[in-house]
Amino acid sequence: MRYLYMKALVFNTFGGPEVLEYCEVKDPVIGPDEILVRMKAIGLNFADIYRRKGNYHLAGEPPYILGYEGAGIVEKVGAEVQGISSGDRIAFADVPYANAELVAVPYEKLIPLPESVSFKEAASILLQGLTAHYLTRDSYAVKNNDVVLVHAAAGGVGQLLVQIVKLLGGKVIGLTSSKEKVEAAKKVGADLVLQYTDDWKQKVLEETNGKGVDVVYESIGSTLMDSFAVTRIGGTVVFYGMAGGDPAPVDPRMLMDTSKTLTGGDLWNVLTSREERVTRSKELFRWIEEGKVKVSEPTTFALRDGQEAHRFLESRKSTGKILLLP
């Protein structure tokens, strides 16, 4: 068999950004239920950094290719795939080996991309947007006039949570770590933004007349008990990340005494079928089309400059999404 070659960002050993190499590898060979996609934009996420460092498990043998999120154009279609043609625009949120010019995408994981949403927008929003979608639709269904506390409100998921809560009729109190991030959270619609260095628990209680918020979207982990302290009797804390370290154990008696709910969230427990992916993405894309959810301008790097892109993400200086462009 004569192999064709493509460019990809690969690594052979775990470590810092310097282990990444831009080189030629064999084109993916698609199975009967897969589509070959020529990538136009690839999302860079913290999970890529954890995998590069060896914190997350990677299947197979080196050379490894990172990346799970992206958008592009269908180049070739497997024999068993119906309803998809060469030239179609598609995106995906959970397909491995995306840091390459060509990616084999299983039909089940393919998300049709409307003309009104750009490749860059799709690669910027799918993972974080679908996370914000299930958090506000499933983990806790936000209702009109709900008061919602959003941790890390200037982050990727945080900015989308703020916007979705607002379009569902809620009021948002955001928490961030710097003055610049306060402005970023206000810009996307947060009603009040506090910094972690403020006496934020006191201020949240003052803002809610001592009652507490209806729901907290908790992604820091180490602040879990503080989140409970500002949640109303009968309210909910949705725990979906631990960027600031492990949470303290929760006493079930506290939950009983206060009628509060603790629920967890993970996107991979939600994206369990093609139908789930397509239905949820459609709503997200519609909100973008209608201007109800705005995707902040991404910072872009050429795929060959992957080392630089990883350094920038690790510096935590970025507020919006970072994309790699083949």
C-alpha atoms as a PDB file:
ATOM      1  CA  MET A   1       0.000   0.000   0.000  1.00  0.00           C
ATOM      2  CA  ARG A   2       1.327   3.447  -0.930  1.00  0.00           C
ATOM      3  CA  TYR A   3       1.063   5.821   2.025  1.00  0.00           C
ATOM      4  CA  LEU A   4       0.245   9.492   1.710  1.00  0.00           C
ATOM      5  CA  TYR A   5       1.623  11.933   4.248  1.00  0.00           C
ATOM      6  CA  MET A   6       0.268  14.964   6.101  1.00  0.00           C
ATOM      7  CA  LYS A   7       1.663  17.478   8.581  1.00  0.00           C
ATOM      8  CA  ALA A   8       0.812  17.063  12.282  1.00  0.00           C
ATOM      9  CA  LEU A   9       1.892  18.291  15.709  1.00  0.00           C
ATOM     10  CA  VAL A  10       3.302  15.246  17.530  1.00  0.00           C
ATOM     11  CA  PHE A  11       5.299  14.294  20.627  1.00  0.00           C
ATOM     12  CA  ASN A  12       7.236  11.172  21.582  1.00  0.00           C
ATOM     13  CA  THR A  13       7.889  11.807  25.289  1.00  0.00           C
ATOM     14  CA  PHE A  14       5.925  13.575  28.019  1.00  0.00           C
ATOM     15  CA  GLY A  15       7.097  17.012  29.134  1.00  0.00           C
ATOM     16  CA  GLY A  16       6.944  20.755  28.462  1.00  0.00           C
ATOM     17  CA  PRO A  17       5.942  22.501  25.217  1.00  0.00           C
ATOM     18  CA  GLU A  18       9.432  21.780  23.809  1.00  0.00           C
ATOM     19  CA  VAL A  19       8.509  18.077  23.297  1.00  0.00           C
ATOM     20  CA  LEU A  20       6.055  19.070  20.526  1.00  0.00           C
ATOM     21  CA  GLU A  21       7.303  18.621  16.956  1.00  0.00           C
ATOM     22  CA  TYR A  22       5.709  19.651  13.661  1.00  0.00           C
ATOM     23  CA  CYS A  23       6.445  16.886  11.171  1.00  0.00           C
ATOM     24  CA  GLU A  24       5.094  14.510   8.531  1.00  0.00           C
ATOM     25  CA  VAL A  25       3.061  11.461   9.530  1.00  0.00           C
ATOM     26  CA  LYS A  26       0.949   8.998   7.548  1.00  0.00           C
ATOM     27  CA  ASP A  27      -2.539  10.135   6.537  1.00  0.00           C
ATOM     28  CA  PRO A  28      -5.310   8.524   8.610  1.00  0.00           C
ATOM     29  CA  VAL A  29      -7.027   5.580   6.919  1.00  0.00           C
ATOM     30  CA  ILE A  30     -10.801   5.824   7.424  1.00  0.00           C
ATOM     31  CA  GLY A  31     -13.078   2.935   8.301  1.00  0.00           C
ATOM     32  CA  PRO A  32     -16.471   2.323   6.626  1.00  0.00           C
ATOM     33  CA  ASP A  33     -18.296   4.407   9.292  1.00  0.00           C
ATOM     34  CA  GLU A  34     -15.807   7.323   9.271  1.00  0.00           C
ATOM     35  CA  ILE A  35     -15.269  10.562   7.380  1.00  0.00           C
ATOM     36  CA  LEU A  36     -11.896  12.091   6.468  1.00  0.00           C
ATOM     37  CA  VAL A  37     -11.903  15.784   7.377  1.00  0.00           C
ATOM     38  CA  ARG A  38      -9.442  18.453   6.234  1.00  0.00           C
ATOM     39  CA  MET A  39      -9.033  20.656   9.303  1.00  0.00           C
ATOM     40  CA  LYS A  40      -9.588  24.415   9.129  1.00  0.00           C
ATOM     41  CA  ALA A  41      -9.455  25.293  12.861  1.00  0.00           C
ATOM     42  CA  ILE A  42      -8.494  23.274  15.958  1.00  0.00           C
ATOM     43  CA  GLY A  43      -9.379  24.159  19.560  1.00  0.00           C
ATOM     44  CA  LEU A  44      -6.581  24.097  22.156  1.00  0.00           C
ATOM     45  CA  ASN A  45      -7.672  23.078  25.675  1.00  0.00           C
ATOM     46  CA  PHE A  46      -6.085  22.488  29.081  1.00  0.00           C
ATOM     47  CA  ALA A  47      -6.748  18.761  28.577  1.00  0.00           C
ATOM     48  CA  ASP A  48      -4.145  18.895  25.771  1.00  0.00           C
ATOM     49  CA  ILE A  49      -1.584  20.229  28.242  1.00  0.00           C
ATOM     50  CA  TYR A  50      -2.430  17.543  30.821  1.00  0.00           C
ATOM     51  CA  ARG A  51      -2.031  14.853  28.149  1.00  0.00           C
ATOM     52  CA  ARG A  52       1.271  16.320  26.939  1.00  0.00           C
ATOM     53  CA  LYS A  53       2.587  16.258  30.519  1.00  0.00           C
ATOM     54  CA  GLY A  54       1.393  12.685  31.052  1.00  0.00           C
ATOM     55  CA  ASN A  55      -1.258  13.595  33.681  1.00  0.00           C
ATOM     56  CA  TYR A  56      -4.036  12.135  31.495  1.00  0.00           C
ATOM     57  CA  HIS A  57      -3.929   8.649  30.030  1.00  0.00           C
ATOM     58  CA  LEU A  58      -3.136   8.376  26.307  1.00  0.00           C
ATOM     59  CA  ALA A  59      -3.990   5.267  24.307  1.00  0.00           C
ATOM     60  CA  GLY A  60      -1.548   3.644  21.887  1.00  0.00           C
ATOM     61  CA  GLU A  61       2.156   4.181  21.301  1.00  0.00           C
ATOM     62  CA  PRO A  62       4.130   7.335  20.395  1.00  0.00           C
ATOM     63  CA  PRO A  63       4.284   9.455  18.336  1.00  0.00           C
ATOM     64  CA  TYR A  64       1.190  10.912  20.021  1.00  0.00           C
ATOM     65  CA  ILE A  65      -1.086  13.519  18.435  1.00  0.00           C
ATOM     66  CA  LEU A  66      -3.071  15.838  20.731  1.00  0.00           C
ATOM     67  CA  GLY A  67      -6.361  17.655  20.086  1.00  0.00           C
ATOM     68  CA  TYR A  68     -10.039  16.723  20.396  1.00  0.00           C
ATOM     69  CA  GLU A  69     -11.990  19.710  19.091  1.00  0.00           C
ATOM     70  CA  GLY A  70     -12.147  21.300  15.665  1.00  0.00           C
ATOM     71  CA  ALA A  71     -13.876  22.083  12.395  1.00  0.00           C
ATOM     72  CA  GLY A  72     -13.184  21.500   8.723  1.00  0.00           C
ATOM     73  CA  ILE A  73     -14.334  20.225   5.343  1.00  0.00           C
ATOM     74  CA  VAL A  74     -15.209  16.636   4.447  1.00  0.00           C
ATOM     75  CA  GLU A  75     -12.595  15.229   2.056  1.00  0.00           C
ATOM     76  CA  LYS A  76     -13.673  11.584   1.850  1.00  0.00           C
ATOM     77  CA  VAL A  77     -16.640   9.527   3.089  1.00  0.00           C
ATOM     78  CA  GLY A  78     -16.628   5.912   4.366  1.00  0.00           C
ATOM     79  CA  ALA A  79     -18.661   3.276   2.487  1.00  0.00           C
ATOM     80  CA  GLU A  80     -21.370   2.954   5.179  1.00  0.00           C
ATOM     81  CA  VAL A  81     -21.907   6.688   5.807  1.00  0.00           C
ATOM     82  CA  GLN A  82     -25.198   8.153   4.577  1.00  0.00           C
ATOM     83  CA  GLY A  83     -26.228  11.795   4.190  1.00  0.00           C
ATOM     84  CA  ILE A  84     -22.725  13.310   4.223  1.00  0.00           C
ATOM     85  CA  SER A  85     -20.797  14.335   1.099  1.00  0.00           C
ATOM     86  CA  SER A  86     -17.334  15.595   0.199  1.00  0.00           C
ATOM     87  CA  GLY A  87     -17.240  19.380   0.631  1.00  0.00           C
ATOM     88  CA  ASP A  88     -19.662  19.449   3.607  1.00  0.00           C
ATOM     89  CA  ARG A  89     -18.710  21.653   6.566  1.00  0.00           C
ATOM     90  CA  ILE A  90     -18.514  19.747   9.846  1.00  0.00           C
ATOM     91  CA  ALA A  91     -17.234  20.136  13.409  1.00  0.00           C
ATOM     92  CA  PHE A  92     -16.558  17.860  16.374  1.00  0.00           C
ATOM     93  CA  ALA A  93     -15.966  18.124  20.115  1.00  0.00           C
ATOM     94  CA  ASP A  94     -14.549  14.725  21.038  1.00  0.00           C
ATOM     95  CA  VAL A  95     -12.472  13.116  18.301  1.00  0.00           C
ATOM     96  CA  PRO A  96      -8.771  12.385  19.008  1.00  0.00           C
ATOM     97  CA  TYR A  97      -5.698  13.267  16.894  1.00  0.00           C
ATOM     98  CA  ALA A  98      -7.117  16.650  15.837  1.00  0.00           C
ATOM     99  CA  ASN A  99      -3.707  18.435  15.782  1.00  0.00           C
ATOM    100  CA  ALA A 100      -3.213  17.449  12.141  1.00  0.00           C
ATOM    101  CA  GLU A 101      -4.134  18.469   8.602  1.00  0.00           C
ATOM    102  CA  LEU A 102      -6.464  15.461   8.247  1.00  0.00           C
ATOM    103  CA  VAL A 103      -8.587  13.701  10.882  1.00  0.00           C
ATOM    104  CA  ALA A 104     -10.665  10.489  10.714  1.00  0.00           C
ATOM    105  CA  VAL A 105     -14.018  11.381  12.308  1.00  0.00           C
ATOM    106  CA  PRO A 106     -16.534   8.644  13.275  1.00  0.00           C
ATOM    107  CA  TYR A 107     -19.988   9.399  11.836  1.00  0.00           C
ATOM    108  CA  GLU A 108     -21.503   9.299  15.329  1.00  0.00           C
ATOM    109  CA  LYS A 109     -19.280  12.189  16.502  1.00  0.00           C
ATOM    110  CA  LEU A 110     -19.744  14.431  13.492  1.00  0.00           C
ATOM    111  CA  ILE A 111     -21.675  17.704  13.964  1.00  0.00           C
ATOM    112  CA  PRO A 112     -23.011  19.446  10.799  1.00  0.00           C
ATOM    113  CA  LEU A 113     -21.861  23.079  10.683  1.00  0.00           C
ATOM    114  CA  PRO A 114     -24.276  25.720   9.336  1.00  0.00           C
ATOM    115  CA  GLU A 115     -22.894  28.312   6.880  1.00  0.00           C
ATOM    116  CA  SER A 116     -23.652  31.069   9.404  1.00  0.00           C
ATOM    117  CA  VAL A 117     -21.109  29.710  11.920  1.00  0.00           C
ATOM    118  CA  SER A 118     -17.437  30.002  10.923  1.00  0.00           C
ATOM    119  CA  PHE A 119     -14.853  27.247  11.361  1.00  0.00           C
ATOM    120  CA  LYS A 120     -13.108  29.424  13.964  1.00  0.00           C
ATOM    121  CA  GLU A 121     -16.339  29.981  15.905  1.00  0.00           C
ATOM    122  CA  ALA A 122     -17.128  26.253  15.895  1.00  0.00           C
ATOM    123  CA  ALA A 123     -13.627  25.292  17.068  1.00  0.00           C
ATOM    124  CA  SER A 124     -13.843  28.008  19.739  1.00  0.00           C
ATOM    125  CA  ILE A 125     -17.188  27.064  21.199  1.00  0.00           C
ATOM    126  CA  LEU A 126     -18.022  23.380  20.955  1.00  0.00           C
ATOM    127  CA  LEU A 127     -16.363  21.865  24.040  1.00  0.00           C
ATOM    128  CA  GLN A 128     -16.943  24.845  26.311  1.00  0.00           C
ATOM    129  CA  GLY A 129     -20.311  25.756  24.764  1.00  0.00           C
ATOM    130  CA  LEU A 130     -21.739  22.243  25.070  1.00  0.00           C
ATOM    131  CA  THR A 131     -20.476  22.201  28.681  1.00  0.00           C
ATOM    132  CA  ALA A 132     -22.262  25.484  29.459  1.00  0.00           C
ATOM    133  CA  HIS A 133     -25.347  24.136  27.634  1.00  0.00           C
ATOM    134  CA  TYR A 134     -25.775  20.964  29.717  1.00  0.00           C
ATOM    135  CA  LEU A 135     -24.898  22.813  32.955  1.00  0.00           C
ATOM    136  CA  THR A 136     -27.768  25.275  32.410  1.00  0.00           C
ATOM    137  CA  ARG A 137     -30.217  22.824  30.807  1.00  0.00           C
ATOM    138  CA  ASP A 138     -29.603  19.537  32.663  1.00  0.00           C
ATOM    139  CA  SER A 139     -27.477  19.871  35.825  1.00  0.00           C
ATOM    140  CA  TYR A 140     -29.692  22.749  36.944  1.00  0.00           C
ATOM    141  CA  ALA A 141     -32.329  24.099  34.559  1.00  0.00           C
ATOM    142  CA  VAL A 142     -32.021  27.884  34.862  1.00  0.00           C
ATOM    143  CA  LYS A 143     -35.383  29.648  35.124  1.00  0.00           C
ATOM    144  CA  ASN A 144     -36.545  33.234  34.800  1.00  0.00           C
ATOM    145  CA  ASN A 145     -35.383  35.396  37.749  1.00  0.00           C
ATOM    146  CA  ASP A 146     -32.986  32.771  39.163  1.00  0.00           C
ATOM    147  CA  VAL A 147     -29.953  34.333  40.863  1.00  0.00           C
ATOM    148  CA  VAL A 148     -26.860  32.456  39.700  1.00  0.00           C
ATOM    149  CA  LEU A 149     -23.261  32.583  40.980  1.00  0.00           C
ATOM    150  CA  VAL A 150     -20.665  31.729  38.312  1.00  0.00           C
ATOM    151  CA  HIS A 151     -17.103  30.931  39.396  1.00  0.00           C
ATOM    152  CA  ALA A 152     -14.277  31.886  36.986  1.00  0.00           C
ATOM    153  CA  ALA A 153     -16.774  34.025  35.081  1.00  0.00           C
ATOM    154  CA  ALA A 154     -14.157  35.361  32.638  1.00  0.00           C
ATOM    155  CA  GLY A 155     -12.942  31.881  31.627  1.00  0.00           C
ATOM    156  CA  GLY A 156     -14.011  30.011  28.499  1.00  0.00           C
ATOM    157  CA  VAL A 157     -16.930  28.150  30.073  1.00  0.00           C
ATOM    158  CA  GLY A 158     -17.587  31.029  32.496  1.00  0.00           C
ATOM    159  CA  GLN A 159     -18.229  33.637  29.782  1.00  0.00           C
ATOM    160  CA  LEU A 160     -20.624  31.267  28.002  1.00  0.00           C
ATOM    161  CA  LEU A 161     -22.422  30.410  31.276  1.00  0.00           C
ATOM    162  CA  VAL A 162     -22.940  34.133  31.944  1.00  0.00           C
ATOM    163  CA  GLN A 163     -24.483  34.643  28.486  1.00  0.00           C
ATOM    164  CA  ILE A 164     -26.700  31.532  28.576  1.00  0.00           C
ATOM    165  CA  VAL A 165     -27.978  32.272  32.098  1.00  0.00           C
ATOM    166  CA  LYS A 166     -28.888  35.797  30.922  1.00  0.00           C
ATOM    167  CA  LEU A 167     -30.725  34.578  27.821  1.00  0.00           C
ATOM    168  CA  LEU A 168     -32.662  32.087  29.996  1.00  0.00           C
ATOM    169  CA  GLY A 169     -33.804  34.988  32.195  1.00  0.00           C
ATOM    170  CA  GLY A 170     -31.454  34.659  35.167  1.00  0.00           C
ATOM    171  CA  LYS A 171     -29.377  37.226  37.052  1.00  0.00           C
ATOM    172  CA  VAL A 172     -25.608  36.601  37.213  1.00  0.00           C
ATOM    173  CA  ILE A 173     -23.091  37.282  39.963  1.00  0.00           C
ATOM    174  CA  GLY A 174     -19.646  36.490  38.618  1.00  0.00           C
ATOM    175  CA  LEU A 175     -16.402  35.710  40.454  1.00  0.00           C
ATOM    176  CA  THR A 176     -12.974  36.368  38.887  1.00  0.00           C
ATOM    177  CA  SER A 177      -9.333  36.741  39.906  1.00  0.00           C
ATOM    178  CA  SER A 178      -8.321  40.158  38.478  1.00  0.00           C
ATOM    179  CA  LYS A 179      -9.604  43.613  37.469  1.00  0.00           C
ATOM    180  CA  GLU A 180      -9.121  42.782  33.754  1.00  0.00           C
ATOM    181  CA  LYS A 181     -11.220  39.648  34.192  1.00  0.00           C
ATOM    182  CA  VAL A 182     -13.922  41.645  36.024  1.00  0.00           C
ATOM    183  CA  GLU A 183     -14.257  43.751  32.862  1.00  0.00           C
ATOM    184  CA  ALA A 184     -14.373  40.653  30.617  1.00  0.00           C
ATOM    185  CA  ALA A 185     -17.211  39.143  32.701  1.00  0.00           C
ATOM    186  CA  LYS A 186     -19.152  42.437  32.716  1.00  0.00           C
ATOM    187  CA  LYS A 187     -18.717  42.753  28.949  1.00  0.00           C
ATOM    188  CA  VAL A 188     -20.590  39.465  28.368  1.00  0.00           C
ATOM    189  CA  GLY A 189     -23.468  40.519  30.621  1.00  0.00           C
ATOM    190  CA  ALA A 190     -22.769  39.663  34.284  1.00  0.00           C
ATOM    191  CA  ASP A 191     -24.914  41.881  36.561  1.00  0.00           C
ATOM    192  CA  LEU A 192     -22.332  42.021  39.360  1.00  0.00           C
ATOM    193  CA  VAL A 193     -18.715  40.826  39.309  1.00  0.00           C
ATOM    194  CA  LEU A 194     -16.626  40.275  42.436  1.00  0.00           C
ATOM    195  CA  GLN A 195     -12.982  39.296  42.850  1.00  0.00           C
ATOM    196  CA  TYR A 196     -11.836  36.342  44.944  1.00  0.00           C
ATOM    197  CA  THR A 197      -9.769  38.816  47.015  1.00  0.00           C
ATOM    198  CA  ASP A 198     -12.984  40.656  48.031  1.00  0.00           C
ATOM    199  CA  ASP A 199     -15.077  39.472  50.979  1.00  0.00           C
ATOM    200  CA  TRP A 200     -17.187  37.885  48.269  1.00  0.00           C
ATOM    201  CA  LYS A 201     -19.306  35.614  50.465  1.00  0.00           C
ATOM    202  CA  GLN A 202     -20.497  38.604  52.487  1.00  0.00           C
ATOM    203  CA  LYS A 203     -21.157  40.618  49.310  1.00  0.00           C
ATOM    204  CA  VAL A 204     -23.160  37.794  47.676  1.00  0.00           C
ATOM    205  CA  LEU A 205     -25.334  37.492  50.800  1.00  0.00           C
ATOM    206  CA  GLU A 206     -25.831  41.292  50.888  1.00  0.00           C
ATOM    207  CA  GLU A 207     -26.796  41.265  47.194  1.00  0.00           C
ATOM    208  CA  THR A 208     -29.420  38.562  47.871  1.00  0.00           C
ATOM    209  CA  ASN A 209     -30.771  40.179  51.086  1.00  0.00           C
ATOM    210  CA  GLY A 210     -29.197  37.453  53.209  1.00  0.00           C
ATOM    211  CA  LYS A 211     -31.045  34.686  51.358  1.00  0.00           C
ATOM    212  CA  GLY A 212     -28.296  33.338  49.064  1.00  0.00           C
ATOM    213  CA  VAL A 213     -28.287  32.407  45.374  1.00  0.00           C
ATOM    214  CA  ASP A 214     -30.453  29.769  43.698  1.00  0.00           C
ATOM    215  CA  VAL A 215     -27.529  27.963  42.107  1.00  0.00           C
ATOM    216  CA  VAL A 216     -23.720  28.085  42.065  1.00  0.00           C
ATOM    217  CA  TYR A 217     -21.693  26.829  39.106  1.00  0.00           C
ATOM    218  CA  GLU A 218     -18.559  25.647  40.929  1.00  0.00           C
ATOM    219  CA  SER A 219     -15.417  24.963  38.890  1.00  0.00           C
ATOM    220  CA  ILE A 220     -12.700  25.841  41.427  1.00  0.00           C
ATOM    221  CA  GLY A 221     -13.069  22.914  43.833  1.00  0.00           C
ATOM    222  CA  SER A 222     -11.257  24.410  46.828  1.00  0.00           C
ATOM    223  CA  THR A 223     -14.136  26.924  47.199  1.00  0.00           C
ATOM    224  CA  LEU A 224     -16.892  24.270  47.406  1.00  0.00           C
ATOM    225  CA  MET A 225     -17.839  24.923  51.052  1.00  0.00           C
ATOM    226  CA  ASP A 226     -17.851  28.701  50.399  1.00  0.00           C
ATOM    227  CA  SER A 227     -20.259  28.053  47.533  1.00  0.00           C
ATOM    228  CA  PHE A 228     -22.609  26.188  49.890  1.00  0.00           C
ATOM    229  CA  ALA A 229     -22.377  29.094  52.352  1.00  0.00           C
ATOM    230  CA  VAL A 230     -23.845  31.503  49.774  1.00  0.00           C
ATOM    231  CA  THR A 231     -26.534  29.108  48.440  1.00  0.00           C
ATOM    232  CA  ARG A 232     -30.106  29.568  49.652  1.00  0.00           C
ATOM    233  CA  ILE A 233     -31.997  26.943  51.646  1.00  0.00           C
ATOM    234  CA  GLY A 234     -33.131  24.423  49.021  1.00  0.00           C
ATOM    235  CA  GLY A 235     -30.611  25.734  46.478  1.00  0.00           C
ATOM    236  CA  THR A 236     -28.143  23.806  44.311  1.00  0.00           C
ATOM    237  CA  VAL A 237     -24.369  23.669  43.847  1.00  0.00           C
ATOM    238  CA  VAL A 238     -23.233  22.235  40.496  1.00  0.00           C
ATOM    239  CA  PHE A 239     -19.659  20.939  40.771  1.00  0.00           C
ATOM    240  CA  TYR A 240     -17.962  20.524  37.392  1.00  0.00           C
ATOM    241  CA  GLY A 241     -14.269  21.339  37.837  1.00  0.00           C
ATOM    242  CA  MET A 242     -11.446  21.842  40.308  1.00  0.00           C
ATOM    243  CA  ALA A 243      -9.052  24.374  38.793  1.00  0.00           C
ATOM    244  CA  GLY A 244      -8.099  25.520  42.307  1.00  0.00           C
ATOM    245  CA  GLY A 245      -7.571  22.123  43.919  1.00  0.00           C
ATOM    246  CA  ASP A 246      -9.559  19.305  45.492  1.00  0.00           C
ATOM    247  CA  PRO A 247     -12.818  20.128  47.318  1.00  0.00           C
ATOM    248  CA  ALA A 248     -13.363  19.365  51.000  1.00  0.00           C
ATOM    249  CA  PRO A 249     -15.583  16.324  51.732  1.00  0.00           C
ATOM    250  CA  VAL A 250     -19.288  17.224  51.982  1.00  0.00           C
ATOM    251  CA  ASP A 251     -21.271  16.123  55.058  1.00  0.00           C
ATOM    252  CA  PRO A 252     -24.613  14.637  53.892  1.00  0.00           C
ATOM    253  CA  ARG A 253     -26.181  15.888  57.146  1.00  0.00           C
ATOM    254  CA  MET A 254     -25.474  19.470  56.044  1.00  0.00           C
ATOM    255  CA  LEU A 255     -27.376  18.727  52.822  1.00  0.00           C
ATOM    256  CA  MET A 256     -30.257  17.267  54.832  1.00  0.00           C
ATOM    257  CA  ASP A 257     -30.381  20.143  57.339  1.00  0.00           C
ATOM    258  CA  THR A 258     -30.369  22.824  54.617  1.00  0.00           C
ATOM    259  CA  SER A 259     -32.272  20.913  51.878  1.00  0.00           C
ATOM    260  CA  LYS A 260     -29.422  21.850  49.522  1.00  0.00           C
ATOM    261  CA  THR A 261     -28.453  19.780  46.497  1.00  0.00           C
ATOM    262  CA  LEU A 262     -24.935  18.926  45.330  1.00  0.00           C
ATOM    263  CA  THR A 263     -24.771  17.635  41.781  1.00  0.00           C
ATOM    264  CA  GLY A 264     -21.804  16.829  39.546  1.00  0.00           C
ATOM    265  CA  GLY A 265     -21.368  17.391  35.841  1.00  0.00           C
ATOM    266  CA  ASP A 266     -19.189  15.910  33.115  1.00  0.00           C
ATOM    267  CA  LEU A 267     -19.681  16.508  29.395  1.00  0.00           C
ATOM    268  CA  TRP A 268     -18.786  12.926  28.415  1.00  0.00           C
ATOM    269  CA  ASN A 269     -21.762  11.611  30.389  1.00  0.00           C
ATOM    270  CA  VAL A 270     -23.991  13.863  28.237  1.00  0.00           C
ATOM    271  CA  LEU A 271     -22.552  13.416  24.717  1.00  0.00           C
ATOM    272  CA  THR A 272     -23.547   9.758  24.539  1.00  0.00           C
ATOM    273  CA  SER A 273     -25.085   9.660  21.044  1.00  0.00           C
ATOM    274  CA  ARG A 274     -25.063  11.436  17.679  1.00  0.00           C
ATOM    275  CA  GLU A 275     -28.574  12.703  18.436  1.00  0.00           C
ATOM    276  CA  GLU A 276     -27.380  14.359  21.682  1.00  0.00           C
ATOM    277  CA  ARG A 277     -24.449  16.021  19.910  1.00  0.00           C
ATOM    278  CA  VAL A 278     -26.529  17.322  17.000  1.00  0.00           C
ATOM    279  CA  THR A 279     -29.539  18.515  19.045  1.00  0.00           C
ATOM    280  CA  ARG A 280     -27.435  20.374  21.607  1.00  0.00           C
ATOM    281  CA  SER A 281     -25.095  21.882  18.989  1.00  0.00           C
ATOM    282  CA  LYS A 282     -28.081  23.101  16.945  1.00  0.00           C
ATOM    283  CA  GLU A 283     -29.380  25.112  19.896  1.00  0.00           C
ATOM    284  CA  LEU A 284     -25.894  26.513  20.552  1.00  0.00           C
ATOM    285  CA  PHE A 285     -25.426  27.459  16.882  1.00  0.00           C
ATOM    286  CA  ARG A 286     -28.895  29.054  16.799  1.00  0.00           C
ATOM    287  CA  TRP A 287     -28.015  31.241  19.792  1.00  0.00           C
ATOM    288  CA  ILE A 288     -24.838  32.344  17.943  1.00  0.00           C
ATOM    289  CA  GLU A 289     -26.793  33.057  14.729  1.00  0.00           C
ATOM    290  CA  GLU A 290     -29.321  35.136  16.684  1.00  0.00           C
ATOM    291  CA  GLY A 291     -26.530  37.074  18.414  1.00  0.00           C
ATOM    292  CA  LYS A 292     -27.646  35.852  21.860  1.00  0.00           C
ATOM    293  CA  VAL A 293     -24.316  34.149  22.504  1.00  0.00           C
ATOM    294  CA  LYS A 294     -21.189  35.932  21.312  1.00  0.00           C
ATOM    295  CA  VAL A 295     -17.939  34.064  20.786  1.00  0.00           C
ATOM    296  CA  SER A 296     -14.998  36.260  21.788  1.00  0.00           C
ATOM    297  CA  GLU A 297     -12.285  36.661  19.143  1.00  0.00           C
ATOM    298  CA  PRO A 298      -9.838  33.747  19.492  1.00  0.00           C
ATOM    299  CA  THR A 299      -6.040  34.005  19.614  1.00  0.00           C
ATOM    300  CA  THR A 300      -4.707  32.014  16.662  1.00  0.00           C
ATOM    301  CA  PHE A 301      -1.400  30.226  16.105  1.00  0.00           C
ATOM    302  CA  ALA A 302      -0.265  28.252  13.063  1.00  0.00           C
ATOM    303  CA  LEU A 303      -0.282  24.512  13.824  1.00  0.00           C
ATOM    304  CA  ARG A 304       3.495  24.507  13.280  1.00  0.00           C
ATOM    305  CA  ASP A 305       3.779  27.000  16.180  1.00  0.00           C
ATOM    306  CA  GLY A 306       2.134  24.588  18.617  1.00  0.00           C
ATOM    307  CA  GLN A 307       4.914  25.002  21.215  1.00  0.00           C
ATOM    308  CA  GLU A 308       4.236  28.750  21.365  1.00  0.00           C
ATOM    309  CA  ALA A 309       0.460  28.184  21.635  1.00  0.00           C
ATOM    310  CA  HIS A 310       0.921  25.756  24.568  1.00  0.00           C
ATOM    311  CA  ARG A 311       3.198  28.254  26.365  1.00  0.00           C
ATOM    312  CA  PHE A 312       0.603  30.993  25.918  1.00  0.00           C
ATOM    313  CA  LEU A 313      -2.222  28.821  27.299  1.00  0.00           C
ATOM    314  CA  GLU A 314      -0.089  27.769  30.288  1.00  0.00           C
ATOM    315  CA  SER A 315       0.779  31.410  31.047  1.00  0.00           C
ATOM    316  CA  ARG A 316      -2.958  31.934  31.829  1.00  0.00           C
ATOM    317  CA  LYS A 317      -2.729  35.370  30.163  1.00  0.00           C
ATOM    318  CA  SER A 318      -5.426  34.481  27.629  1.00  0.00           C
ATOM    319  CA  THR A 319      -9.100  35.316  28.235  1.00  0.00           C
ATOM    320  CA  GLY A 320     -10.615  33.929  25.030  1.00  0.00           C
ATOM    321  CA  LYS A 321     -10.057  30.693  23.127  1.00  0.00           C
ATOM    322  CA  ILE A 322      -6.740  29.670  21.553  1.00  0.00           C
ATOM    323  CA  LEU A 323      -6.934  28.037  18.106  1.00  0.00           C
ATOM    324  CA  LEU A 324      -4.390  26.179  15.993  1.00  0.00           C
ATOM    325  CA  LEU A 325      -4.704  26.700  12.233  1.00  0.00           C
ATOM    326  CA  PRO A 326      -3.243  24.037   9.880  1.00  0.00           C
END
